Amino acid sequence: MNAAPGYGAGGYGGGGYGGGAMPAVKKKYKILRLIAVLMKILAVVVGALLIIVGLVMIVAGAASSKSTPPFPDTGPGAFFGGLVGGLIMLVYGVFVAIFLYAYAEWMYVFMDIEENTRMTNEMLLGRK
């Protein structure tokens, strides 16, 4: 089987335009990378805290569903309110964690696009 024109025997890389070695490019945007890492940590911490708060709300609603003498009609309403509020908080915590983490990943995507564009530019300039 013959390789495609312009490529080495492996299909990509080996032969072709200037060999298989990619030029080394310096990493840029150190602060932006730090912010992306902090955003990922924040996503995990905030998500975990909101999930814990949701579970506490469910337990608090179940615990307060027992009727007490000064407030005799708090039973089912307190249980339902705690259950619904806790479930909403659980779902909210998961969404917040996912969206914060995804935002940090988008920052990496844009930095990788810039780095790959710069690397391609250096490869093309080195070929001339």
Protein backbone atom coordinates (compact mmCIF):
# COMPACT_ATOMS: atom_id res chain seq x y z
CA MET A 1 0.00 0.00 0.00
CA ASN A 2 1.36 3.42 -0.97
CA ALA A 3 1.30 6.43 1.33
CA ALA A 4 -0.64 9.51 0.39
CA PRO A 5 1.34 12.14 -1.53
CA GLY A 6 3.29 14.39 0.75
CA TYR A 7 3.17 12.04 3.74
CA GLY A 8 5.56 9.40 5.02
CA ALA A 9 4.94 5.69 5.30
CA GLY A 10 2.91 6.11 8.49
CA GLY A 11 0.29 8.27 6.81
CA TYR A 12 0.93 11.48 8.72
CA GLY A 13 4.03 13.17 9.99
CA GLY A 14 7.25 11.35 8.98
CA GLY A 15 7.84 12.79 5.50
CA GLY A 16 6.30 15.66 3.69
CA TYR A 17 6.83 19.24 4.68
CA GLY A 18 10.05 19.56 6.60
CA GLY A 19 10.05 16.28 8.55
CA GLY A 20 8.05 15.06 11.51
CA ALA A 21 9.50 17.34 14.18
CA MET A 22 7.09 19.97 15.42
CA PRO A 23 8.63 23.32 16.33
CA ALA A 24 8.73 24.07 20.02
CA VAL A 25 6.54 27.01 20.92
CA LYS A 26 6.60 28.86 24.19
CA LYS A 27 3.48 28.65 26.37
CA LYS A 28 1.75 31.99 26.63
CA TYR A 29 -1.00 33.33 28.88
CA LYS A 30 0.32 32.03 32.20
CA ILE A 31 -2.20 34.04 34.22
CA LEU A 32 -5.08 32.87 32.03
CA ARG A 33 -3.97 29.27 32.57
CA LEU A 34 -3.87 29.90 36.32
CA ILE A 35 -7.38 31.36 36.17
CA ALA A 36 -8.60 28.29 34.27
CA VAL A 37 -7.13 25.97 36.93
CA LEU A 38 -8.68 28.06 39.71
CA MET A 39 -12.01 27.98 37.86
CA LYS A 40 -11.88 24.17 37.76
CA ILE A 41 -11.13 24.03 41.49
CA LEU A 42 -13.95 26.51 42.15
CA ALA A 43 -16.31 24.36 40.08
CA VAL A 44 -15.60 21.28 42.19
CA VAL A 45 -15.79 23.14 45.52
CA VAL A 46 -18.97 25.10 44.72
CA GLY A 47 -20.63 22.03 43.22
CA ALA A 48 -19.81 19.93 46.28
CA LEU A 49 -21.02 22.64 48.68
CA LEU A 50 -24.31 23.11 46.83
CA ILE A 51 -24.91 19.36 46.75
CA ILE A 52 -24.24 19.15 50.50
CA VAL A 53 -26.62 22.09 51.11
CA GLY A 54 -29.28 20.34 49.02
CA LEU A 55 -28.92 17.15 51.06
CA VAL A 56 -29.09 19.14 54.31
CA MET A 57 -32.28 20.85 53.08
CA ILE A 58 -33.87 17.48 52.35
CA VAL A 59 -32.94 16.15 55.79
CA ALA A 60 -34.09 19.37 57.48
CA GLY A 61 -37.43 19.19 55.69
CA ALA A 62 -37.88 15.57 56.75
CA ALA A 63 -36.89 16.39 60.35
CA SER A 64 -39.25 19.36 60.59
CA SER A 65 -42.20 17.45 59.16
CA LYS A 66 -43.14 16.30 62.67
CA SER A 67 -45.94 18.50 64.01
CA THR A 68 -44.97 20.58 67.01
CA PRO A 69 -47.49 22.10 69.43
CA PRO A 70 -47.03 25.79 68.58
CA PHE A 71 -47.17 25.00 64.83
CA PRO A 72 -49.52 22.06 64.36
CA ASP A 73 -49.87 22.34 60.57
CA THR A 74 -46.17 22.22 59.59
CA GLY A 75 -45.97 18.47 58.91
CA PRO A 76 -46.53 17.75 55.22
CA GLY A 77 -45.79 21.28 54.07
CA ALA A 78 -42.36 21.33 55.72
CA PHE A 79 -41.51 17.91 54.34
CA PHE A 80 -42.61 18.82 50.80
CA GLY A 81 -40.86 22.20 50.95
CA GLY A 82 -37.62 20.69 52.19
CA LEU A 83 -37.77 17.90 49.63
CA VAL A 84 -38.51 20.17 46.66
CA GLY A 85 -36.03 22.85 47.80
CA GLY A 86 -33.34 20.24 48.38
CA LEU A 87 -33.87 18.60 44.99
CA ILE A 88 -33.76 21.99 43.27
CA MET A 89 -30.53 22.77 45.12
CA LEU A 90 -29.03 19.41 44.07
CA VAL A 91 -29.84 20.01 40.41
CA TYR A 92 -28.60 23.60 40.64
CA GLY A 93 -25.32 22.44 42.22
CA VAL A 94 -24.70 19.93 39.45
CA PHE A 95 -25.41 22.52 36.74
CA VAL A 96 -23.23 25.17 38.36
CA ALA A 97 -20.33 22.73 38.68
CA ILE A 98 -20.68 21.55 35.08
CA PHE A 99 -20.91 25.06 33.62
CA LEU A 100 -17.98 26.43 35.64
CA TYR A 101 -15.83 23.45 34.63
CA ALA A 102 -16.90 23.79 30.99
CA TYR A 103 -16.04 27.50 31.05
CA ALA A 104 -12.53 26.67 32.24
CA GLU A 105 -12.21 24.07 29.47
CA TRP A 106 -13.27 26.65 26.87
CA MET A 107 -10.44 28.86 28.07
CA TYR A 108 -8.05 25.97 27.35
CA VAL A 109 -9.62 25.42 23.92
CA PHE A 110 -9.00 29.02 22.89
CA MET A 111 -5.43 28.94 24.24
CA ASP A 112 -4.78 25.69 22.34
CA ILE A 113 -6.16 27.21 19.13
CA GLU A 114 -3.79 30.15 19.52
CA GLU A 115 -0.85 27.85 20.23
CA ASN A 116 -1.60 25.60 17.25
CA THR A 117 -1.97 28.63 14.97
CA ARG A 118 1.37 30.00 16.17
CA MET A 119 3.01 26.57 15.69
CA THR A 120 1.61 26.31 12.16
CA ASN A 121 2.91 29.80 11.38
CA GLU A 122 6.40 28.85 12.59
CA MET A 123 6.32 25.63 10.56
CA LEU A 124 5.34 27.54 7.42
CA LEU A 125 7.96 30.23 7.98
CA GLY A 126 10.62 27.57 8.56
CA ARG A 127 9.72 25.83 5.31
CA LYS A 128 10.56 28.83 3.10
